[in-house]
Amino acid sequence: MKKLFLYVFLFLMFCNVSFAGCIEGNCNDGQGIYIYKDGSKYVGEWKDKEFHGQGTYTWADGSVAEGIWENSKLHEEPLMMKMKMAPTINKFIGLDFICYNTCKERNDEHFCLQRCSMQ
């Protein structure tokens, strides 16, 4: 009975381990998939360890931004935006988007992304 308890305990411990890092490809320069500790992930092209080129960023809440990235920021109007959060700050004039910045820590670096939502 003690062994069974030990096995169940160890199994549950390993199930709760969170992972952050490059899980596929080359997340320095090339094509890769990076998963963050909070559950968000980026799938796409990388240059100098930053989002650069075609890619999709998915936040932990399921919100998605897909488009052309340059230096970890959306460079052009997004190809697709699907947001699940209610944004509150910074209306752009002439567009039907509400945008706000969100910042994260990655590899001891601080970077910010702009998150947008259609009204």
PDB file of N, CA and C in Angstrom:
ATOM      1  N   MET A   1       0.824  -1.189   0.000  1.00  0.00           N
ATOM      2  CA  MET A   1       0.000   0.000   0.000  1.00  0.00           C
ATOM      3  C   MET A   1       0.875   1.263   0.000  1.00  0.00           C
ATOM      4  N   LYS A   2       1.990   1.223   0.743  1.00  0.00           N
ATOM      5  CA  LYS A   2       2.877   2.380   0.788  1.00  0.00           C
ATOM      6  C   LYS A   2       3.512   2.636  -0.573  1.00  0.00           C
ATOM      7  N   LYS A   3       3.849   1.563  -1.282  1.00  0.00           N
ATOM      8  CA  LYS A   3       4.437   1.726  -2.609  1.00  0.00           C
ATOM      9  C   LYS A   3       3.435   2.355  -3.570  1.00  0.00           C
ATOM     10  N   LEU A   4       2.185   1.936  -3.482  1.00  0.00           N
ATOM     11  CA  LEU A   4       1.152   2.506  -4.346  1.00  0.00           C
ATOM     12  C   LEU A   4       1.011   4.004  -4.079  1.00  0.00           C
ATOM     13  N   PHE A   5       0.982   4.379  -2.819  1.00  0.00           N
ATOM     14  CA  PHE A   5       0.895   5.793  -2.458  1.00  0.00           C
ATOM     15  C   PHE A   5       2.091   6.567  -3.001  1.00  0.00           C
ATOM     16  N   LEU A   6       3.279   5.984  -2.884  1.00  0.00           N
ATOM     17  CA  LEU A   6       4.487   6.627  -3.388  1.00  0.00           C
ATOM     18  C   LEU A   6       4.410   6.827  -4.899  1.00  0.00           C
ATOM     19  N   TYR A   7       3.976   5.807  -5.638  1.00  0.00           N
ATOM     20  CA  TYR A   7       3.862   5.914  -7.095  1.00  0.00           C
ATOM     21  C   TYR A   7       2.838   6.975  -7.500  1.00  0.00           C
ATOM     22  N   VAL A   8       1.716   7.003  -6.826  1.00  0.00           N
ATOM     23  CA  VAL A   8       0.687   8.011  -7.128  1.00  0.00           C
ATOM     24  C   VAL A   8       1.220   9.403  -6.824  1.00  0.00           C
ATOM     25  N   PHE A   9       1.891   9.561  -5.709  1.00  0.00           N
ATOM     26  CA  PHE A   9       2.459  10.857  -5.338  1.00  0.00           C
ATOM     27  C   PHE A   9       3.474  11.328  -6.378  1.00  0.00           C
ATOM     28  N   LEU A  10       4.386  10.455  -6.782  1.00  0.00           N
ATOM     29  CA  LEU A  10       5.390  10.822  -7.781  1.00  0.00           C
ATOM     30  C   LEU A  10       4.740  11.149  -9.123  1.00  0.00           C
ATOM     31  N   PHE A  11       3.745  10.394  -9.515  1.00  0.00           N
ATOM     32  CA  PHE A  11       3.041  10.662 -10.769  1.00  0.00           C
ATOM     33  C   PHE A  11       2.408  12.050 -10.738  1.00  0.00           C
ATOM     34  N   LEU A  12       1.739  12.394  -9.654  1.00  0.00           N
ATOM     35  CA  LEU A  12       1.100  13.709  -9.544  1.00  0.00           C
ATOM     36  C   LEU A  12       2.122  14.833  -9.517  1.00  0.00           C
ATOM     37  N   MET A  13       3.263  14.588  -8.916  1.00  0.00           N
ATOM     38  CA  MET A  13       4.318  15.609  -8.893  1.00  0.00           C
ATOM     39  C   MET A  13       4.786  15.920 -10.309  1.00  0.00           C
ATOM     40  N   PHE A  14       4.996  14.892 -11.116  1.00  0.00           N
ATOM     41  CA  PHE A  14       5.486  15.100 -12.476  1.00  0.00           C
ATOM     42  C   PHE A  14       4.416  15.701 -13.382  1.00  0.00           C
ATOM     43  N   CYS A  15       3.163  15.489 -13.083  1.00  0.00           N
ATOM     44  CA  CYS A  15       2.088  16.057 -13.904  1.00  0.00           C
ATOM     45  C   CYS A  15       1.985  17.566 -13.740  1.00  0.00           C
ATOM     46  N   ASN A  16       2.400  18.107 -12.608  1.00  0.00           N
ATOM     47  CA  ASN A  16       2.281  19.537 -12.349  1.00  0.00           C
ATOM     48  C   ASN A  16       3.513  20.332 -12.745  1.00  0.00           C
ATOM     49  N   VAL A  17       4.481  19.706 -13.350  1.00  0.00           N
ATOM     50  CA  VAL A  17       5.697  20.405 -13.745  1.00  0.00           C
ATOM     51  C   VAL A  17       5.394  21.284 -14.944  1.00  0.00           C
ATOM     52  N   SER A  18       5.722  22.574 -14.834  1.00  0.00           N
ATOM     53  CA  SER A  18       5.539  23.464 -15.983  1.00  0.00           C
ATOM     54  C   SER A  18       6.855  23.566 -16.732  1.00  0.00           C
ATOM     55  N   PHE A  19       6.765  23.712 -18.032  1.00  0.00           N
ATOM     56  CA  PHE A  19       7.941  23.744 -18.881  1.00  0.00           C
ATOM     57  C   PHE A  19       7.955  25.042 -19.659  1.00  0.00           C
ATOM     58  N   ALA A  20       9.112  25.626 -19.790  1.00  0.00           N
ATOM     59  CA  ALA A  20       9.272  26.811 -20.633  1.00  0.00           C
ATOM     60  C   ALA A  20      10.515  26.603 -21.467  1.00  0.00           C
ATOM     61  N   GLY A  21      10.399  26.871 -22.738  1.00  0.00           N
ATOM     62  CA  GLY A  21      11.557  26.757 -23.602  1.00  0.00           C
ATOM     63  C   GLY A  21      11.178  26.388 -25.016  1.00  0.00           C
ATOM     64  N   CYS A  22      12.193  26.275 -25.821  1.00  0.00           N
ATOM     65  CA  CYS A  22      12.020  25.908 -27.221  1.00  0.00           C
ATOM     66  C   CYS A  22      11.760  24.407 -27.286  1.00  0.00           C
ATOM     67  N   ILE A  23      10.590  24.028 -27.757  1.00  0.00           N
ATOM     68  CA  ILE A  23      10.255  22.606 -27.784  1.00  0.00           C
ATOM     69  C   ILE A  23      10.447  21.982 -29.157  1.00  0.00           C
ATOM     70  N   GLU A  24      10.621  22.823 -30.180  1.00  0.00           N
ATOM     71  CA  GLU A  24      10.808  22.275 -31.522  1.00  0.00           C
ATOM     72  C   GLU A  24      11.500  23.301 -32.403  1.00  0.00           C
ATOM     73  N   GLY A  25      12.419  22.847 -33.218  1.00  0.00           N
ATOM     74  CA  GLY A  25      13.073  23.715 -34.191  1.00  0.00           C
ATOM     75  C   GLY A  25      14.165  24.581 -33.586  1.00  0.00           C
ATOM     76  N   ASN A  26      14.379  25.746 -34.203  1.00  0.00           N
ATOM     77  CA  ASN A  26      15.434  26.676 -33.805  1.00  0.00           C
ATOM     78  C   ASN A  26      14.807  27.998 -33.387  1.00  0.00           C
ATOM     79  N   CYS A  27      14.764  28.267 -32.093  1.00  0.00           N
ATOM     80  CA  CYS A  27      14.152  29.491 -31.568  1.00  0.00           C
ATOM     81  C   CYS A  27      15.167  30.622 -31.433  1.00  0.00           C
ATOM     82  N   ASN A  28      16.348  30.453 -31.987  1.00  0.00           N
ATOM     83  CA  ASN A  28      17.335  31.529 -32.039  1.00  0.00           C
ATOM     84  C   ASN A  28      17.300  32.193 -33.409  1.00  0.00           C
ATOM     85  N   ASP A  29      17.502  31.426 -34.436  1.00  0.00           N
ATOM     86  CA  ASP A  29      17.482  31.894 -35.821  1.00  0.00           C
ATOM     87  C   ASP A  29      16.904  30.788 -36.686  1.00  0.00           C
ATOM     88  N   GLY A  30      15.660  30.924 -37.070  1.00  0.00           N
ATOM     89  CA  GLY A  30      15.031  29.905 -37.906  1.00  0.00           C
ATOM     90  C   GLY A  30      13.563  29.756 -37.590  1.00  0.00           C
ATOM     91  N   GLN A  31      13.062  28.553 -37.744  1.00  0.00           N
ATOM     92  CA  GLN A  31      11.659  28.224 -37.496  1.00  0.00           C
ATOM     93  C   GLN A  31      11.585  27.429 -36.210  1.00  0.00           C
ATOM     94  N   GLY A  32      10.687  27.834 -35.276  1.00  0.00           N
ATOM     95  CA  GLY A  32      10.611  27.099 -34.029  1.00  0.00           C
ATOM     96  C   GLY A  32       9.345  27.357 -33.250  1.00  0.00           C
ATOM     97  N   ILE A  33       9.163  26.550 -32.208  1.00  0.00           N
ATOM     98  CA  ILE A  33       8.027  26.681 -31.296  1.00  0.00           C
ATOM     99  C   ILE A  33       8.583  26.886 -29.898  1.00  0.00           C
ATOM    100  N   TYR A  34       8.149  27.983 -29.239  1.00  0.00           N
ATOM    101  CA  TYR A  34       8.597  28.298 -27.883  1.00  0.00           C
ATOM    102  C   TYR A  34       7.369  28.351 -26.983  1.00  0.00           C
ATOM    103  N   ILE A  35       7.421  27.628 -25.865  1.00  0.00           N
ATOM    104  CA  ILE A  35       6.330  27.650 -24.896  1.00  0.00           C
ATOM    105  C   ILE A  35       6.826  28.328 -23.624  1.00  0.00           C
ATOM    106  N   TYR A  36       6.003  29.247 -23.089  1.00  0.00           N
ATOM    107  CA  TYR A  36       6.335  29.998 -21.880  1.00  0.00           C
ATOM    108  C   TYR A  36       5.701  29.342 -20.661  1.00  0.00           C
ATOM    109  N   LYS A  37       6.217  29.673 -19.479  1.00  0.00           N
ATOM    110  CA  LYS A  37       5.738  29.075 -18.233  1.00  0.00           C
ATOM    111  C   LYS A  37       4.260  29.340 -17.994  1.00  0.00           C
ATOM    112  N   ASP A  38       3.755  30.489 -18.469  1.00  0.00           N
ATOM    113  CA  ASP A  38       2.345  30.814 -18.248  1.00  0.00           C
ATOM    114  C   ASP A  38       1.410  30.089 -19.216  1.00  0.00           C
ATOM    115  N   GLY A  39       1.970  29.293 -20.138  1.00  0.00           N
ATOM    116  CA  GLY A  39       1.155  28.537 -21.079  1.00  0.00           C
ATOM    117  C   GLY A  39       1.025  29.175 -22.449  1.00  0.00           C
ATOM    118  N   SER A  40       1.505  30.396 -22.614  1.00  0.00           N
ATOM    119  CA  SER A  40       1.457  31.027 -23.931  1.00  0.00           C
ATOM    120  C   SER A  40       2.561  30.437 -24.806  1.00  0.00           C
ATOM    121  N   LYS A  41       2.406  30.594 -26.136  1.00  0.00           N
ATOM    122  CA  LYS A  41       3.427  30.041 -27.029  1.00  0.00           C
ATOM    123  C   LYS A  41       3.510  30.861 -28.306  1.00  0.00           C
ATOM    124  N   TYR A  42       4.680  30.782 -28.936  1.00  0.00           N
ATOM    125  CA  TYR A  42       4.910  31.402 -30.238  1.00  0.00           C
ATOM    126  C   TYR A  42       5.362  30.316 -31.198  1.00  0.00           C
ATOM    127  N   VAL A  43       4.712  30.273 -32.359  1.00  0.00           N
ATOM    128  CA  VAL A  43       5.061  29.326 -33.416  1.00  0.00           C
ATOM    129  C   VAL A  43       5.385  30.144 -34.647  1.00  0.00           C
ATOM    130  N   GLY A  44       6.619  30.068 -35.113  1.00  0.00           N
ATOM    131  CA  GLY A  44       6.959  30.831 -36.308  1.00  0.00           C
ATOM    132  C   GLY A  44       8.446  31.034 -36.476  1.00  0.00           C
ATOM    133  N   GLU A  45       8.758  32.115 -37.192  1.00  0.00           N
ATOM    134  CA  GLU A  45      10.141  32.416 -37.544  1.00  0.00           C
ATOM    135  C   GLU A  45      10.806  33.260 -36.457  1.00  0.00           C
ATOM    136  N   TRP A  46      12.110  33.008 -36.261  1.00  0.00           N
ATOM    137  CA  TRP A  46      12.914  33.678 -35.242  1.00  0.00           C
ATOM    138  C   TRP A  46      14.150  34.286 -35.884  1.00  0.00           C
ATOM    139  N   LYS A  47      14.596  35.405 -35.314  1.00  0.00           N
ATOM    140  CA  LYS A  47      15.872  36.005 -35.705  1.00  0.00           C
ATOM    141  C   LYS A  47      16.465  36.655 -34.461  1.00  0.00           C
ATOM    142  N   ASP A  48      17.685  36.301 -34.116  1.00  0.00           N
ATOM    143  CA  ASP A  48      18.351  36.825 -32.919  1.00  0.00           C
ATOM    144  C   ASP A  48      17.495  36.643 -31.666  1.00  0.00           C
ATOM    145  N   LYS A  49      16.874  35.482 -31.523  1.00  0.00           N
ATOM    146  CA  LYS A  49      16.049  35.116 -30.366  1.00  0.00           C
ATOM    147  C   LYS A  49      14.800  35.976 -30.218  1.00  0.00           C
ATOM    148  N   GLU A  50      14.341  36.604 -31.281  1.00  0.00           N
ATOM    149  CA  GLU A  50      13.119  37.408 -31.261  1.00  0.00           C
ATOM    150  C   GLU A  50      12.181  36.926 -32.350  1.00  0.00           C
ATOM    151  N   PHE A  51      10.861  37.174 -32.162  1.00  0.00           N
ATOM    152  CA  PHE A  51       9.891  36.846 -33.201  1.00  0.00           C
ATOM    153  C   PHE A  51      10.246  37.694 -34.414  1.00  0.00           C
ATOM    154  N   HIS A  52      10.436  37.082 -35.546  1.00  0.00           N
ATOM    155  CA  HIS A  52      10.829  37.843 -36.738  1.00  0.00           C
ATOM    156  C   HIS A  52      10.401  37.066 -37.982  1.00  0.00           C
ATOM    157  N   GLY A  53       9.391  37.563 -38.671  1.00  0.00           N
ATOM    158  CA  GLY A  53       8.846  36.889 -39.841  1.00  0.00           C
ATOM    159  C   GLY A  53       7.437  36.405 -39.552  1.00  0.00           C
ATOM    160  N   GLN A  54       6.967  35.473 -40.356  1.00  0.00           N
ATOM    161  CA  GLN A  54       5.611  34.932 -40.196  1.00  0.00           C
ATOM    162  C   GLN A  54       5.518  34.135 -38.903  1.00  0.00           C
ATOM    163  N   GLY A  55       4.472  34.415 -38.097  1.00  0.00           N
ATOM    164  CA  GLY A  55       4.327  33.670 -36.859  1.00  0.00           C
ATOM    165  C   GLY A  55       2.986  33.873 -36.194  1.00  0.00           C
ATOM    166  N   THR A  56       2.715  33.025 -35.210  1.00  0.00           N
ATOM    167  CA  THR A  56       1.473  33.073 -34.447  1.00  0.00           C
ATOM    168  C   THR A  56       1.809  33.033 -32.966  1.00  0.00           C
ATOM    169  N   TYR A  57       1.303  34.035 -32.219  1.00  0.00           N
ATOM    170  CA  TYR A  57       1.472  34.069 -30.766  1.00  0.00           C
ATOM    171  C   TYR A  57       0.126  33.730 -30.149  1.00  0.00           C
ATOM    172  N   THR A  58       0.105  32.738 -29.267  1.00  0.00           N
ATOM    173  CA  THR A  58      -1.119  32.331 -28.586  1.00  0.00           C
ATOM    174  C   THR A  58      -0.924  32.535 -27.091  1.00  0.00           C
ATOM    175  N   TRP A  59      -1.762  33.393 -26.485  1.00  0.00           N
ATOM    176  CA  TRP A  59      -1.693  33.639 -25.049  1.00  0.00           C
ATOM    177  C   TRP A  59      -2.334  32.479 -24.307  1.00  0.00           C
ATOM    178  N   ALA A  60      -2.052  32.368 -23.026  1.00  0.00           N
ATOM    179  CA  ALA A  60      -2.552  31.278 -22.199  1.00  0.00           C
ATOM    180  C   ALA A  60      -4.079  31.252 -22.154  1.00  0.00           C
ATOM    181  N   ASP A  61      -4.724  32.411 -22.317  1.00  0.00           N
ATOM    182  CA  ASP A  61      -6.186  32.464 -22.282  1.00  0.00           C
ATOM    183  C   ASP A  61      -6.828  32.069 -23.610  1.00  0.00           C
ATOM    184  N   GLY A  62      -6.010  31.745 -24.630  1.00  0.00           N
ATOM    185  CA  GLY A  62      -6.529  31.337 -25.925  1.00  0.00           C
ATOM    186  C   GLY A  62      -6.555  32.439 -26.961  1.00  0.00           C
ATOM    187  N   SER A  63      -6.224  33.665 -26.582  1.00  0.00           N
ATOM    188  CA  SER A  63      -6.153  34.765 -27.538  1.00  0.00           C
ATOM    189  C   SER A  63      -5.020  34.509 -28.517  1.00  0.00           C
ATOM    190  N   VAL A  64      -5.209  34.912 -29.775  1.00  0.00           N
ATOM    191  CA  VAL A  64      -4.249  34.602 -30.831  1.00  0.00           C
ATOM    192  C   VAL A  64      -3.961  35.840 -31.667  1.00  0.00           C
ATOM    193  N   ALA A  65      -2.687  36.040 -32.008  1.00  0.00           N
ATOM    194  CA  ALA A  65      -2.275  37.067 -32.962  1.00  0.00           C
ATOM    195  C   ALA A  65      -1.394  36.399 -34.003  1.00  0.00           C
ATOM    196  N   GLU A  66      -1.786  36.524 -35.260  1.00  0.00           N
ATOM    197  CA  GLU A  66      -1.022  35.920 -36.347  1.00  0.00           C
ATOM    198  C   GLU A  66      -0.675  36.998 -37.352  1.00  0.00           C
ATOM    199  N   GLY A  67       0.571  37.027 -37.789  1.00  0.00           N
ATOM    200  CA  GLY A  67       0.975  38.015 -38.769  1.00  0.00           C
ATOM    201  C   GLY A  67       2.474  38.023 -38.985  1.00  0.00           C
ATOM    202  N   ILE A  68       2.949  39.155 -39.506  1.00  0.00           N
ATOM    203  CA  ILE A  68       4.372  39.357 -39.748  1.00  0.00           C
ATOM    204  C   ILE A  68       4.948  40.078 -38.533  1.00  0.00           C
ATOM    205  N   TRP A  69       5.968  39.486 -37.922  1.00  0.00           N
ATOM    206  CA  TRP A  69       6.588  40.025 -36.715  1.00  0.00           C
ATOM    207  C   TRP A  69       7.960  40.585 -37.065  1.00  0.00           C
ATOM    208  N   GLU A  70       8.332  41.653 -36.370  1.00  0.00           N
ATOM    209  CA  GLU A  70       9.668  42.221 -36.511  1.00  0.00           C
ATOM    210  C   GLU A  70      10.139  42.650 -35.133  1.00  0.00           C
ATOM    211  N   ASN A  71      11.245  42.090 -34.681  1.00  0.00           N
ATOM    212  CA  ASN A  71      11.788  42.372 -33.347  1.00  0.00           C
ATOM    213  C   ASN A  71      10.741  42.158 -32.254  1.00  0.00           C
ATOM    214  N   SER A  72      10.039  41.043 -32.322  1.00  0.00           N
ATOM    215  CA  SER A  72       9.027  40.620 -31.342  1.00  0.00           C
ATOM    216  C   SER A  72       7.799  41.519 -31.287  1.00  0.00           C
ATOM    217  N   LYS A  73       7.546  42.293 -32.319  1.00  0.00           N
ATOM    218  CA  LYS A  73       6.342  43.125 -32.397  1.00  0.00           C
ATOM    219  C   LYS A  73       5.664  42.864 -33.730  1.00  0.00           C
ATOM    220  N   LEU A  74       4.327  42.945 -33.735  1.00  0.00           N
ATOM    221  CA  LEU A  74       3.617  42.805 -35.004  1.00  0.00           C
ATOM    222  C   LEU A  74       4.011  43.956 -35.904  1.00  0.00           C
ATOM    223  N   HIS A  75       4.547  43.635 -37.078  1.00  0.00           N
ATOM    224  CA  HIS A  75       5.084  44.644 -37.990  1.00  0.00           C
ATOM    225  C   HIS A  75       3.998  45.227 -38.883  1.00  0.00           C
ATOM    226  N   GLU A  76       3.113  44.395 -39.346  1.00  0.00           N
ATOM    227  CA  GLU A  76       2.048  44.823 -40.241  1.00  0.00           C
ATOM    228  C   GLU A  76       0.710  44.563 -39.571  1.00  0.00           C
ATOM    229  N   GLU A  77      -0.361  45.004 -40.226  1.00  0.00           N
ATOM    230  CA  GLU A  77      -1.692  44.707 -39.712  1.00  0.00           C
ATOM    231  C   GLU A  77      -1.823  43.190 -39.586  1.00  0.00           C
ATOM    232  N   PRO A  78      -2.314  42.709 -38.465  1.00  0.00           N
ATOM    233  CA  PRO A  78      -2.376  41.262 -38.244  1.00  0.00           C
ATOM    234  C   PRO A  78      -3.211  40.551 -39.301  1.00  0.00           C
ATOM    235  N   LEU A  79      -2.770  39.363 -39.682  1.00  0.00           N
ATOM    236  CA  LEU A  79      -3.554  38.539 -40.594  1.00  0.00           C
ATOM    237  C   LEU A  79      -4.790  38.004 -39.888  1.00  0.00           C
ATOM    238  N   MET A  80      -4.655  37.738 -38.586  1.00  0.00           N
ATOM    239  CA  MET A  80      -5.768  37.215 -37.821  1.00  0.00           C
ATOM    240  C   MET A  80      -5.591  37.588 -36.358  1.00  0.00           C
ATOM    241  N   MET A  81      -6.661  38.077 -35.739  1.00  0.00           N
ATOM    242  CA  MET A  81      -6.653  38.380 -34.308  1.00  0.00           C
ATOM    243  C   MET A  81      -7.882  37.724 -33.698  1.00  0.00           C
ATOM    244  N   LYS A  82      -7.679  36.994 -32.627  1.00  0.00           N
ATOM    245  CA  LYS A  82      -8.789  36.407 -31.894  1.00  0.00           C
ATOM    246  C   LYS A  82      -8.486  36.612 -30.421  1.00  0.00           C
ATOM    247  N   MET A  83      -9.223  37.512 -29.797  1.00  0.00           N
ATOM    248  CA  MET A  83      -8.936  37.857 -28.412  1.00  0.00           C
ATOM    249  C   MET A  83     -10.076  37.391 -27.513  1.00  0.00           C
ATOM    250  N   LYS A  84      -9.716  36.906 -26.340  1.00  0.00           N
ATOM    251  CA  LYS A  84     -10.714  36.488 -25.365  1.00  0.00           C
ATOM    252  C   LYS A  84     -10.807  37.451 -24.189  1.00  0.00           C
ATOM    253  N   MET A  85      -9.895  38.404 -24.097  1.00  0.00           N
ATOM    254  CA  MET A  85      -9.906  39.353 -22.991  1.00  0.00           C
ATOM    255  C   MET A  85     -10.613  40.627 -23.414  1.00  0.00           C
ATOM    256  N   ALA A  86     -11.143  41.355 -22.472  1.00  0.00           N
ATOM    257  CA  ALA A  86     -11.790  42.631 -22.750  1.00  0.00           C
ATOM    258  C   ALA A  86     -10.757  43.743 -22.632  1.00  0.00           C
ATOM    259  N   PRO A  87     -10.224  44.236 -23.745  1.00  0.00           N
ATOM    260  CA  PRO A  87      -9.220  45.293 -23.701  1.00  0.00           C
ATOM    261  C   PRO A  87      -9.827  46.626 -23.276  1.00  0.00           C
ATOM    262  N   THR A  88      -8.991  47.500 -22.697  1.00  0.00           N
ATOM    263  CA  THR A  88      -9.528  48.734 -22.137  1.00  0.00           C
ATOM    264  C   THR A  88      -8.786  49.999 -22.538  1.00  0.00           C
ATOM    265  N   ILE A  89      -7.601  49.906 -23.096  1.00  0.00           N
ATOM    266  CA  ILE A  89      -6.766  51.094 -23.279  1.00  0.00           C
ATOM    267  C   ILE A  89      -6.441  51.330 -24.752  1.00  0.00           C
ATOM    268  N   ASN A  90      -6.219  52.587 -25.139  1.00  0.00           N
ATOM    269  CA  ASN A  90      -5.648  53.007 -26.431  1.00  0.00           C
ATOM    270  C   ASN A  90      -6.480  52.659 -27.656  1.00  0.00           C
ATOM    271  N   LYS A  91      -7.433  53.467 -27.992  1.00  0.00           N
ATOM    272  CA  LYS A  91      -8.150  53.288 -29.251  1.00  0.00           C
ATOM    273  C   LYS A  91      -7.357  53.924 -30.375  1.00  0.00           C
ATOM    274  N   PHE A  92      -7.204  53.210 -31.483  1.00  0.00           N
ATOM    275  CA  PHE A  92      -6.592  53.783 -32.673  1.00  0.00           C
ATOM    276  C   PHE A  92      -7.665  54.504 -33.479  1.00  0.00           C
ATOM    277  N   ILE A  93      -7.337  55.673 -33.974  1.00  0.00           N
ATOM    278  CA  ILE A  93      -8.286  56.443 -34.770  1.00  0.00           C
ATOM    279  C   ILE A  93      -8.382  55.833 -36.162  1.00  0.00           C
ATOM    280  N   GLY A  94      -9.600  55.650 -36.659  1.00  0.00           N
ATOM    281  CA  GLY A  94      -9.808  55.144 -38.004  1.00  0.00           C
ATOM    282  C   GLY A  94      -9.821  53.633 -38.119  1.00  0.00           C
ATOM    283  N   LEU A  95      -9.494  52.934 -37.067  1.00  0.00           N
ATOM    284  CA  LEU A  95      -9.519  51.477 -37.088  1.00  0.00           C
ATOM    285  C   LEU A  95     -10.514  50.981 -36.056  1.00  0.00           C
ATOM    286  N   ASP A  96     -11.005  49.798 -36.253  1.00  0.00           N
ATOM    287  CA  ASP A  96     -11.943  49.214 -35.308  1.00  0.00           C
ATOM    288  C   ASP A  96     -11.244  48.272 -34.337  1.00  0.00           C
ATOM    289  N   PHE A  97     -10.059  48.661 -33.907  1.00  0.00           N
ATOM    290  CA  PHE A  97      -9.287  47.874 -32.955  1.00  0.00           C
ATOM    291  C   PHE A  97      -9.121  48.653 -31.655  1.00  0.00           C
ATOM    292  N   ILE A  98      -9.109  47.945 -30.554  1.00  0.00           N
ATOM    293  CA  ILE A  98      -8.666  48.502 -29.278  1.00  0.00           C
ATOM    294  C   ILE A  98      -7.376  47.765 -28.957  1.00  0.00           C
ATOM    295  N   CYS A  99      -6.315  48.515 -28.678  1.00  0.00           N
ATOM    296  CA  CYS A  99      -5.012  47.887 -28.447  1.00  0.00           C
ATOM    297  C   CYS A  99      -4.441  48.301 -27.098  1.00  0.00           C
ATOM    298  N   TYR A 100      -3.666  47.436 -26.516  1.00  0.00           N
ATOM    299  CA  TYR A 100      -2.944  47.740 -25.290  1.00  0.00           C
ATOM    300  C   TYR A 100      -1.685  46.892 -25.254  1.00  0.00           C
ATOM    301  N   ASN A 101      -0.739  47.330 -24.466  1.00  0.00           N
ATOM    302  CA  ASN A 101       0.543  46.628 -24.369  1.00  0.00           C
ATOM    303  C   ASN A 101       0.515  45.637 -23.219  1.00  0.00           C
ATOM    304  N   THR A 102       1.186  44.533 -23.432  1.00  0.00           N
ATOM    305  CA  THR A 102       1.384  43.557 -22.372  1.00  0.00           C
ATOM    306  C   THR A 102       2.870  43.207 -22.347  1.00  0.00           C
ATOM    307  N   CYS A 103       3.430  43.108 -21.177  1.00  0.00           N
ATOM    308  CA  CYS A 103       4.868  42.869 -21.051  1.00  0.00           C
ATOM    309  C   CYS A 103       5.113  41.529 -20.358  1.00  0.00           C
ATOM    310  N   LYS A 104       6.205  40.883 -20.742  1.00  0.00           N
ATOM    311  CA  LYS A 104       6.572  39.590 -20.162  1.00  0.00           C
ATOM    312  C   LYS A 104       8.074  39.535 -19.953  1.00  0.00           C
ATOM    313  N   GLU A 105       8.486  38.625 -19.106  1.00  0.00           N
ATOM    314  CA  GLU A 105       9.902  38.323 -18.909  1.00  0.00           C
ATOM    315  C   GLU A 105      10.217  37.070 -19.710  1.00  0.00           C
ATOM    316  N   ARG A 106      11.331  37.091 -20.442  1.00  0.00           N
ATOM    317  CA  ARG A 106      11.748  35.915 -21.205  1.00  0.00           C
ATOM    318  C   ARG A 106      13.260  35.856 -21.170  1.00  0.00           C
ATOM    319  N   ASN A 107      13.773  34.757 -20.663  1.00  0.00           N
ATOM    320  CA  ASN A 107      15.229  34.563 -20.605  1.00  0.00           C
ATOM    321  C   ASN A 107      15.931  35.766 -19.985  1.00  0.00           C
ATOM    322  N   ASP A 108      15.436  36.223 -18.858  1.00  0.00           N
ATOM    323  CA  ASP A 108      15.995  37.375 -18.139  1.00  0.00           C
ATOM    324  C   ASP A 108      15.933  38.658 -18.956  1.00  0.00           C
ATOM    325  N   GLU A 109      15.059  38.727 -19.960  1.00  0.00           N
ATOM    326  CA  GLU A 109      14.867  39.936 -20.746  1.00  0.00           C
ATOM    327  C   GLU A 109      13.413  40.360 -20.612  1.00  0.00           C
ATOM    328  N   HIS A 110      13.187  41.650 -20.637  1.00  0.00           N
ATOM    329  CA  HIS A 110      11.840  42.197 -20.535  1.00  0.00           C
ATOM    330  C   HIS A 110      11.410  42.646 -21.920  1.00  0.00           C
ATOM    331  N   PHE A 111      10.268  42.177 -22.399  1.00  0.00           N
ATOM    332  CA  PHE A 111       9.791  42.623 -23.700  1.00  0.00           C
ATOM    333  C   PHE A 111       8.287  42.827 -23.645  1.00  0.00           C
ATOM    334  N   CYS A 112       7.812  43.692 -24.512  1.00  0.00           N
ATOM    335  CA  CYS A 112       6.393  44.027 -24.548  1.00  0.00           C
ATOM    336  C   CYS A 112       5.818  43.715 -25.924  1.00  0.00           C
ATOM    337  N   LEU A 113       4.595  43.280 -25.931  1.00  0.00           N
ATOM    338  CA  LEU A 113       3.851  43.041 -27.157  1.00  0.00           C
ATOM    339  C   LEU A 113       2.592  43.886 -27.121  1.00  0.00           C
ATOM    340  N   GLN A 114       2.125  44.273 -28.287  1.00  0.00           N
ATOM    341  CA  GLN A 114       0.872  44.989 -28.343  1.00  0.00           C
ATOM    342  C   GLN A 114      -0.231  43.991 -28.653  1.00  0.00           C
ATOM    343  N   ARG A 115      -1.255  43.985 -27.818  1.00  0.00           N
ATOM    344  CA  ARG A 115      -2.393  43.098 -28.020  1.00  0.00           C
ATOM    345  C   ARG A 115      -3.555  43.942 -28.515  1.00  0.00           C
ATOM    346  N   CYS A 116      -4.240  43.470 -29.536  1.00  0.00           N
ATOM    347  CA  CYS A 116      -5.340  44.216 -30.135  1.00  0.00           C
ATOM    348  C   CYS A 116      -6.586  43.348 -30.206  1.00  0.00           C
ATOM    349  N   SER A 117      -7.718  44.018 -30.195  1.00  0.00           N
ATOM    350  CA  SER A 117      -8.984  43.323 -30.296  1.00  0.00           C
ATOM    351  C   SER A 117      -9.921  44.128 -31.179  1.00  0.00           C
ATOM    352  N   MET A 118     -10.679  43.435 -32.007  1.00  0.00           N
ATOM    353  CA  MET A 118     -11.678  44.117 -32.818  1.00  0.00           C
ATOM    354  C   MET A 118     -12.874  44.468 -31.947  1.00  0.00           C
ATOM    355  N   GLN A 119     -13.470  45.633 -32.208  1.00  0.00           N
ATOM    356  CA  GLN A 119     -14.654  46.027 -31.449  1.00  0.00           C
ATOM    357  C   GLN A 119     -15.875  45.357 -31.999  1.00  0.00           C
TER     358      GLN A 119
END
